[in-house]
Amino acid sequence: MKLIKLSQVMAKTTLSKSTIYRLIKTSDFPPPKKLSLRAVAWLETEIDEWIINRGCACNSSSNHSISTLQAYLLNNTTTQ
């Protein structure tokens, strides 16, 4: 079990600090573990899982959007 600090989380996810904390607030990102009064860190495995799951969600979402657009175009295109 490896703990990583915010800078490493930002580097792994390419998210900004404010985006990470906004996602935590909406329960869309793993919360940090409290190490002391003013120190927190994340479990690297939780961040890695989030990245994998986020990639799958993005891929399935974009595939769905593409197929929806294709269906719309096929149904609403008139031949001239």
PDB file of N, CA and C in Angstrom:
ATOM      1  N   MET A   1       0.855  -1.172   0.000  1.00  0.00           N
ATOM      2  CA  MET A   1       0.000   0.000   0.000  1.00  0.00           C
ATOM      3  C   MET A   1       0.902   1.237   0.000  1.00  0.00           C
ATOM      4  N   LYS A   2       0.788   2.009  -1.084  1.00  0.00           N
ATOM      5  CA  LYS A   2       1.607   3.198  -1.220  1.00  0.00           C
ATOM      6  C   LYS A   2       0.728   4.439  -1.151  1.00  0.00           C
ATOM      7  N   LEU A   3       1.153   5.403  -0.362  1.00  0.00           N
ATOM      8  CA  LEU A   3       0.452   6.680  -0.259  1.00  0.00           C
ATOM      9  C   LEU A   3       1.137   7.702  -1.143  1.00  0.00           C
ATOM     10  N   ILE A   4       0.332   8.519  -1.829  1.00  0.00           N
ATOM     11  CA  ILE A   4       0.901   9.568  -2.674  1.00  0.00           C
ATOM     12  C   ILE A   4       0.291  10.912  -2.302  1.00  0.00           C
ATOM     13  N   LYS A   5       1.079  11.945  -2.471  1.00  0.00           N
ATOM     14  CA  LYS A   5       0.668  13.302  -2.120  1.00  0.00           C
ATOM     15  C   LYS A   5      -0.078  13.957  -3.285  1.00  0.00           C
ATOM     16  N   LEU A   6      -0.656  15.111  -3.016  1.00  0.00           N
ATOM     17  CA  LEU A   6      -1.471  15.815  -3.995  1.00  0.00           C
ATOM     18  C   LEU A   6      -0.734  16.068  -5.306  1.00  0.00           C
ATOM     19  N   SER A   7       0.510  16.477  -5.238  1.00  0.00           N
ATOM     20  CA  SER A   7       1.252  16.758  -6.473  1.00  0.00           C
ATOM     21  C   SER A   7       1.356  15.520  -7.356  1.00  0.00           C
ATOM     22  N   GLN A   8       1.517  14.350  -6.746  1.00  0.00           N
ATOM     23  CA  GLN A   8       1.588  13.109  -7.507  1.00  0.00           C
ATOM     24  C   GLN A   8       0.214  12.733  -8.075  1.00  0.00           C
ATOM     25  N   VAL A   9      -0.843  12.987  -7.299  1.00  0.00           N
ATOM     26  CA  VAL A   9      -2.205  12.731  -7.776  1.00  0.00           C
ATOM     27  C   VAL A   9      -2.488  13.619  -8.982  1.00  0.00           C
ATOM     28  N   MET A  10      -2.098  14.879  -8.893  1.00  0.00           N
ATOM     29  CA  MET A  10      -2.294  15.815  -9.997  1.00  0.00           C
ATOM     30  C   MET A  10      -1.529  15.358 -11.241  1.00  0.00           C
ATOM     31  N   ALA A  11      -0.318  14.885 -11.050  1.00  0.00           N
ATOM     32  CA  ALA A  11       0.494  14.422 -12.176  1.00  0.00           C
ATOM     33  C   ALA A  11      -0.113  13.172 -12.818  1.00  0.00           C
ATOM     34  N   LYS A  12      -0.589  12.230 -11.997  1.00  0.00           N
ATOM     35  CA  LYS A  12      -1.161  10.992 -12.523  1.00  0.00           C
ATOM     36  C   LYS A  12      -2.471  11.232 -13.264  1.00  0.00           C
ATOM     37  N   THR A  13      -3.303  12.145 -12.748  1.00  0.00           N
ATOM     38  CA  THR A  13      -4.635  12.341 -13.311  1.00  0.00           C
ATOM     39  C   THR A  13      -4.702  13.490 -14.313  1.00  0.00           C
ATOM     40  N   THR A  14      -3.708  14.357 -14.310  1.00  0.00           N
ATOM     41  CA  THR A  14      -3.666  15.608 -15.092  1.00  0.00           C
ATOM     42  C   THR A  14      -4.794  16.556 -14.712  1.00  0.00           C
ATOM     43  N   LEU A  15      -5.323  16.410 -13.494  1.00  0.00           N
ATOM     44  CA  LEU A  15      -6.357  17.306 -12.991  1.00  0.00           C
ATOM     45  C   LEU A  15      -5.726  18.375 -12.112  1.00  0.00           C
ATOM     46  N   SER A  16      -6.376  19.529 -12.048  1.00  0.00           N
ATOM     47  CA  SER A  16      -5.896  20.590 -11.171  1.00  0.00           C
ATOM     48  C   SER A  16      -6.342  20.299  -9.732  1.00  0.00           C
ATOM     49  N   LYS A  17      -5.731  21.001  -8.804  1.00  0.00           N
ATOM     50  CA  LYS A  17      -6.066  20.857  -7.390  1.00  0.00           C
ATOM     51  C   LYS A  17      -7.545  21.157  -7.160  1.00  0.00           C
ATOM     52  N   SER A  18      -8.036  22.240  -7.747  1.00  0.00           N
ATOM     53  CA  SER A  18      -9.436  22.621  -7.528  1.00  0.00           C
ATOM     54  C   SER A  18     -10.393  21.584  -8.121  1.00  0.00           C
ATOM     55  N   THR A  19     -10.047  21.013  -9.262  1.00  0.00           N
ATOM     56  CA  THR A  19     -10.897  19.983  -9.864  1.00  0.00           C
ATOM     57  C   THR A  19     -10.932  18.732  -9.001  1.00  0.00           C
ATOM     58  N   ILE A  20      -9.794  18.339  -8.476  1.00  0.00           N
ATOM     59  CA  ILE A  20      -9.733  17.159  -7.602  1.00  0.00           C
ATOM     60  C   ILE A  20     -10.631  17.360  -6.387  1.00  0.00           C
ATOM     61  N   TYR A  21     -10.516  18.504  -5.719  1.00  0.00           N
ATOM     62  CA  TYR A  21     -11.325  18.738  -4.527  1.00  0.00           C
ATOM     63  C   TYR A  21     -12.804  18.915  -4.858  1.00  0.00           C
ATOM     64  N   ARG A  22     -13.120  19.449  -6.033  1.00  0.00           N
ATOM     65  CA  ARG A  22     -14.522  19.558  -6.460  1.00  0.00           C
ATOM     66  C   ARG A  22     -15.102  18.167  -6.691  1.00  0.00           C
ATOM     67  N   LEU A  23     -14.336  17.286  -7.326  1.00  0.00           N
ATOM     68  CA  LEU A  23     -14.785  15.915  -7.557  1.00  0.00           C
ATOM     69  C   LEU A  23     -14.926  15.144  -6.240  1.00  0.00           C
ATOM     70  N   ILE A  24     -14.055  15.398  -5.283  1.00  0.00           N
ATOM     71  CA  ILE A  24     -14.164  14.762  -3.966  1.00  0.00           C
ATOM     72  C   ILE A  24     -15.468  15.199  -3.298  1.00  0.00           C
ATOM     73  N   LYS A  25     -15.775  16.473  -3.404  1.00  0.00           N
ATOM     74  CA  LYS A  25     -16.987  17.021  -2.777  1.00  0.00           C
ATOM     75  C   LYS A  25     -18.253  16.373  -3.331  1.00  0.00           C
ATOM     76  N   THR A  26     -18.238  16.012  -4.619  1.00  0.00           N
ATOM     77  CA  THR A  26     -19.400  15.374  -5.239  1.00  0.00           C
ATOM     78  C   THR A  26     -19.295  13.846  -5.228  1.00  0.00           C
ATOM     79  N   SER A  27     -18.338  13.319  -4.487  1.00  0.00           N
ATOM     80  CA  SER A  27     -18.099  11.869  -4.363  1.00  0.00           C
ATOM     81  C   SER A  27     -17.735  11.209  -5.683  1.00  0.00           C
ATOM     82  N   ASP A  28     -17.106  11.963  -6.578  1.00  0.00           N
ATOM     83  CA  ASP A  28     -16.681  11.428  -7.866  1.00  0.00           C
ATOM     84  C   ASP A  28     -15.175  11.173  -7.939  1.00  0.00           C
ATOM     85  N   PHE A  29     -14.497  11.268  -6.803  1.00  0.00           N
ATOM     86  CA  PHE A  29     -13.053  11.049  -6.748  1.00  0.00           C
ATOM     87  C   PHE A  29     -12.727  10.512  -5.364  1.00  0.00           C
ATOM     88  N   PRO A  30     -11.751   9.621  -5.265  1.00  0.00           N
ATOM     89  CA  PRO A  30     -11.410   9.062  -3.944  1.00  0.00           C
ATOM     90  C   PRO A  30     -10.944  10.150  -2.975  1.00  0.00           C
ATOM     91  N   PRO A  31     -11.485  10.156  -1.780  1.00  0.00           N
ATOM     92  CA  PRO A  31     -11.042  11.150  -0.800  1.00  0.00           C
ATOM     93  C   PRO A  31      -9.659  10.799  -0.251  1.00  0.00           C
ATOM     94  N   PRO A  32      -8.926  11.799   0.214  1.00  0.00           N
ATOM     95  CA  PRO A  32      -7.612  11.523   0.790  1.00  0.00           C
ATOM     96  C   PRO A  32      -7.731  10.916   2.183  1.00  0.00           C
ATOM     97  N   LYS A  33      -6.658  10.300   2.612  1.00  0.00           N
ATOM     98  CA  LYS A  33      -6.559   9.762   3.975  1.00  0.00           C
ATOM     99  C   LYS A  33      -5.833  10.794   4.825  1.00  0.00           C
ATOM    100  N   LYS A  34      -6.365  11.066   5.992  1.00  0.00           N
ATOM    101  CA  LYS A  34      -5.753  12.039   6.895  1.00  0.00           C
ATOM    102  C   LYS A  34      -4.546  11.409   7.586  1.00  0.00           C
ATOM    103  N   LEU A  35      -3.380  12.052   7.436  1.00  0.00           N
ATOM    104  CA  LEU A  35      -2.154  11.539   8.037  1.00  0.00           C
ATOM    105  C   LEU A  35      -1.844  12.217   9.361  1.00  0.00           C
ATOM    106  N   SER A  36      -2.164  13.491   9.432  1.00  0.00           N
ATOM    107  CA  SER A  36      -1.961  14.265  10.649  1.00  0.00           C
ATOM    108  C   SER A  36      -2.903  15.462  10.593  1.00  0.00           C
ATOM    109  N   LEU A  37      -2.693  16.400  11.471  1.00  0.00           N
ATOM    110  CA  LEU A  37      -3.574  17.562  11.532  1.00  0.00           C
ATOM    111  C   LEU A  37      -3.642  18.312  10.205  1.00  0.00           C
ATOM    112  N   ARG A  38      -2.495  18.431   9.516  1.00  0.00           N
ATOM    113  CA  ARG A  38      -2.456  19.206   8.277  1.00  0.00           C
ATOM    114  C   ARG A  38      -1.912  18.451   7.071  1.00  0.00           C
ATOM    115  N   ALA A  39      -1.899  17.146   7.152  1.00  0.00           N
ATOM    116  CA  ALA A  39      -1.338  16.367   6.039  1.00  0.00           C
ATOM    117  C   ALA A  39      -2.306  15.278   5.599  1.00  0.00           C
ATOM    118  N   VAL A  40      -2.461  15.154   4.275  1.00  0.00           N
ATOM    119  CA  VAL A  40      -3.289  14.100   3.699  1.00  0.00           C
ATOM    120  C   VAL A  40      -2.524  13.431   2.562  1.00  0.00           C
ATOM    121  N   ALA A  41      -2.969  12.234   2.212  1.00  0.00           N
ATOM    122  CA  ALA A  41      -2.391  11.515   1.074  1.00  0.00           C
ATOM    123  C   ALA A  41      -3.452  10.557   0.553  1.00  0.00           C
ATOM    124  N   TRP A  42      -3.237  10.107  -0.674  1.00  0.00           N
ATOM    125  CA  TRP A  42      -4.175   9.194  -1.324  1.00  0.00           C
ATOM    126  C   TRP A  42      -3.529   7.832  -1.467  1.00  0.00           C
ATOM    127  N   LEU A  43      -4.368   6.795  -1.445  1.00  0.00           N
ATOM    128  CA  LEU A  43      -3.873   5.458  -1.754  1.00  0.00           C
ATOM    129  C   LEU A  43      -3.659   5.396  -3.259  1.00  0.00           C
ATOM    130  N   GLU A  44      -2.467   5.030  -3.675  1.00  0.00           N
ATOM    131  CA  GLU A  44      -2.157   5.005  -5.100  1.00  0.00           C
ATOM    132  C   GLU A  44      -3.071   4.036  -5.844  1.00  0.00           C
ATOM    133  N   THR A  45      -3.400   2.930  -5.217  1.00  0.00           N
ATOM    134  CA  THR A  45      -4.280   1.953  -5.872  1.00  0.00           C
ATOM    135  C   THR A  45      -5.663   2.547  -6.147  1.00  0.00           C
ATOM    136  N   GLU A  46      -6.182   3.373  -5.235  1.00  0.00           N
ATOM    137  CA  GLU A  46      -7.485   4.004  -5.446  1.00  0.00           C
ATOM    138  C   GLU A  46      -7.436   4.983  -6.617  1.00  0.00           C
ATOM    139  N   ILE A  47      -6.339   5.710  -6.732  1.00  0.00           N
ATOM    140  CA  ILE A  47      -6.189   6.658  -7.841  1.00  0.00           C
ATOM    141  C   ILE A  47      -6.064   5.907  -9.159  1.00  0.00           C
ATOM    142  N   ASP A  48      -5.277   4.830  -9.161  1.00  0.00           N
ATOM    143  CA  ASP A  48      -5.119   4.027 -10.370  1.00  0.00           C
ATOM    144  C   ASP A  48      -6.460   3.425 -10.810  1.00  0.00           C
ATOM    145  N   GLU A  49      -7.247   2.933  -9.855  1.00  0.00           N
ATOM    146  CA  GLU A  49      -8.575   2.386 -10.166  1.00  0.00           C
ATOM    147  C   GLU A  49      -9.487   3.471 -10.731  1.00  0.00           C
ATOM    148  N   TRP A  50      -9.434   4.664 -10.144  1.00  0.00           N
ATOM    149  CA  TRP A  50     -10.261   5.775 -10.625  1.00  0.00           C
ATOM    150  C   TRP A  50      -9.897   6.109 -12.071  1.00  0.00           C
ATOM    151  N   ILE A  51      -8.603   6.138 -12.361  1.00  0.00           N
ATOM    152  CA  ILE A  51      -8.150   6.446 -13.727  1.00  0.00           C
ATOM    153  C   ILE A  51      -8.676   5.394 -14.704  1.00  0.00           C
ATOM    154  N   ILE A  52      -8.565   4.117 -14.343  1.00  0.00           N
ATOM    155  CA  ILE A  52      -9.040   3.032 -15.212  1.00  0.00           C
ATOM    156  C   ILE A  52     -10.549   3.141 -15.415  1.00  0.00           C
ATOM    157  N   ASN A  53     -11.294   3.328 -14.331  1.00  0.00           N
ATOM    158  CA  ASN A  53     -12.750   3.425 -14.427  1.00  0.00           C
ATOM    159  C   ASN A  53     -13.180   4.665 -15.194  1.00  0.00           C
ATOM    160  N   ARG A  54     -12.478   5.741 -15.012  1.00  0.00           N
ATOM    161  CA  ARG A  54     -12.798   6.984 -15.721  1.00  0.00           C
ATOM    162  C   ARG A  54     -12.568   6.806 -17.221  1.00  0.00           C
ATOM    163  N   GLY A  55     -11.502   6.107 -17.565  1.00  0.00           N
ATOM    164  CA  GLY A  55     -11.230   5.838 -18.974  1.00  0.00           C
ATOM    165  C   GLY A  55     -12.315   5.002 -19.600  1.00  0.00           C
ATOM    166  N   CYS A  56     -12.791   3.999 -18.895  1.00  0.00           N
ATOM    167  CA  CYS A  56     -13.872   3.156 -19.405  1.00  0.00           C
ATOM    168  C   CYS A  56     -15.151   3.958 -19.547  1.00  0.00           C
ATOM    169  N   ALA A  57     -15.446   4.801 -18.578  1.00  0.00           N
ATOM    170  CA  ALA A  57     -16.663   5.619 -18.639  1.00  0.00           C
ATOM    171  C   ALA A  57     -16.599   6.586 -19.810  1.00  0.00           C
ATOM    172  N   CYS A  58     -15.426   7.183 -20.023  1.00  0.00           N
ATOM    173  CA  CYS A  58     -15.276   8.127 -21.129  1.00  0.00           C
ATOM    174  C   CYS A  58     -15.430   7.419 -22.463  1.00  0.00           C
ATOM    175  N   ASN A  59     -14.830   6.257 -22.598  1.00  0.00           N
ATOM    176  CA  ASN A  59     -14.911   5.522 -23.852  1.00  0.00           C
ATOM    177  C   ASN A  59     -16.338   5.090 -24.153  1.00  0.00           C
ATOM    178  N   SER A  60     -17.033   4.557 -23.143  1.00  0.00           N
ATOM    179  CA  SER A  60     -18.396   4.104 -23.400  1.00  0.00           C
ATOM    180  C   SER A  60     -19.311   5.287 -23.658  1.00  0.00           C
ATOM    181  N   SER A  61     -19.070   6.392 -22.986  1.00  0.00           N
ATOM    182  CA  SER A  61     -19.879   7.591 -23.200  1.00  0.00           C
ATOM    183  C   SER A  61     -19.679   8.131 -24.606  1.00  0.00           C
ATOM    184  N   SER A  62     -18.431   8.200 -25.062  1.00  0.00           N
ATOM    185  CA  SER A  62     -18.183   8.730 -26.394  1.00  0.00           C
ATOM    186  C   SER A  62     -18.703   7.780 -27.463  1.00  0.00           C
ATOM    187  N   ASN A  63     -18.610   6.461 -27.230  1.00  0.00           N
ATOM    188  CA  ASN A  63     -19.157   5.506 -28.183  1.00  0.00           C
ATOM    189  C   ASN A  63     -20.666   5.655 -28.281  1.00  0.00           C
ATOM    190  N   HIS A  64     -21.315   5.858 -27.136  1.00  0.00           N
ATOM    191  CA  HIS A  64     -22.756   6.057 -27.117  1.00  0.00           C
ATOM    192  C   HIS A  64     -23.111   7.334 -27.865  1.00  0.00           C
ATOM    193  N   SER A  65     -22.373   8.400 -27.654  1.00  0.00           N
ATOM    194  CA  SER A  65     -22.640   9.667 -28.318  1.00  0.00           C
ATOM    195  C   SER A  65     -22.476   9.542 -29.826  1.00  0.00           C
ATOM    196  N   ILE A  66     -21.472   8.821 -30.268  1.00  0.00           N
ATOM    197  CA  ILE A  66     -21.230   8.637 -31.698  1.00  0.00           C
ATOM    198  C   ILE A  66     -22.370   7.849 -32.322  1.00  0.00           C
ATOM    199  N   SER A  67     -22.777   6.756 -31.676  1.00  0.00           N
ATOM    200  CA  SER A  67     -23.867   5.957 -32.243  1.00  0.00           C
ATOM    201  C   SER A  67     -25.180   6.729 -32.237  1.00  0.00           C
ATOM    202  N   THR A  68     -25.412   7.551 -31.222  1.00  0.00           N
ATOM    203  CA  THR A  68     -26.606   8.386 -31.186  1.00  0.00           C
ATOM    204  C   THR A  68     -26.592   9.395 -32.328  1.00  0.00           C
ATOM    205  N   LEU A  69     -25.447  10.007 -32.567  1.00  0.00           N
ATOM    206  CA  LEU A  69     -25.313  10.965 -33.665  1.00  0.00           C
ATOM    207  C   LEU A  69     -25.516  10.274 -35.013  1.00  0.00           C
ATOM    208  N   GLN A  70     -24.943   9.093 -35.171  1.00  0.00           N
ATOM    209  CA  GLN A  70     -25.118   8.356 -36.424  1.00  0.00           C
ATOM    210  C   GLN A  70     -26.586   8.051 -36.685  1.00  0.00           C
ATOM    211  N   ALA A  71     -27.284   7.598 -35.654  1.00  0.00           N
ATOM    212  CA  ALA A  71     -28.708   7.284 -35.805  1.00  0.00           C
ATOM    213  C   ALA A  71     -29.495   8.540 -36.165  1.00  0.00           C
ATOM    214  N   TYR A  72     -29.180   9.634 -35.518  1.00  0.00           N
ATOM    215  CA  TYR A  72     -29.869  10.894 -35.807  1.00  0.00           C
ATOM    216  C   TYR A  72     -29.646  11.301 -37.255  1.00  0.00           C
ATOM    217  N   LEU A  73     -28.402  11.243 -37.698  1.00  0.00           N
ATOM    218  CA  LEU A  73     -28.091  11.645 -39.071  1.00  0.00           C
ATOM    219  C   LEU A  73     -28.767  10.728 -40.093  1.00  0.00           C
ATOM    220  N   LEU A  74     -28.784   9.443 -39.820  1.00  0.00           N
ATOM    221  CA  LEU A  74     -29.435   8.494 -40.741  1.00  0.00           C
ATOM    222  C   LEU A  74     -30.935   8.736 -40.822  1.00  0.00           C
ATOM    223  N   ASN A  75     -31.548   9.068 -39.703  1.00  0.00           N
ATOM    224  CA  ASN A  75     -32.993   9.275 -39.674  1.00  0.00           C
ATOM    225  C   ASN A  75     -33.424  10.650 -40.173  1.00  0.00           C
ATOM    226  N   ASN A  76     -32.538  11.609 -40.142  1.00  0.00           N
ATOM    227  CA  ASN A  76     -32.923  12.989 -40.484  1.00  0.00           C
ATOM    228  C   ASN A  76     -32.238  13.537 -41.713  1.00  0.00           C
ATOM    229  N   THR A  77     -31.604  12.686 -42.477  1.00  0.00           N
ATOM    230  CA  THR A  77     -30.946  13.129 -43.696  1.00  0.00           C
ATOM    231  C   THR A  77     -31.867  12.856 -44.880  1.00  0.00           C
ATOM    232  N   THR A  78     -32.093  13.874 -45.655  1.00  0.00           N
ATOM    233  CA  THR A  78     -32.925  13.675 -46.850  1.00  0.00           C
ATOM    234  C   THR A  78     -32.021  13.515 -48.045  1.00  0.00           C
ATOM    235  N   THR A  79     -32.369  12.640 -48.920  1.00  0.00           N
ATOM    236  CA  THR A  79     -31.590  12.451 -50.140  1.00  0.00           C
ATOM    237  C   THR A  79     -32.125  13.400 -51.223  1.00  0.00           C
ATOM    238  N   GLN A  80     -31.230  13.988 -51.944  1.00  0.00           N
ATOM    239  CA  GLN A  80     -31.638  14.941 -52.979  1.00  0.00           C
ATOM    240  C   GLN A  80     -31.215  14.469 -54.340  1.00  0.00           C
TER     241      GLN A  80
END
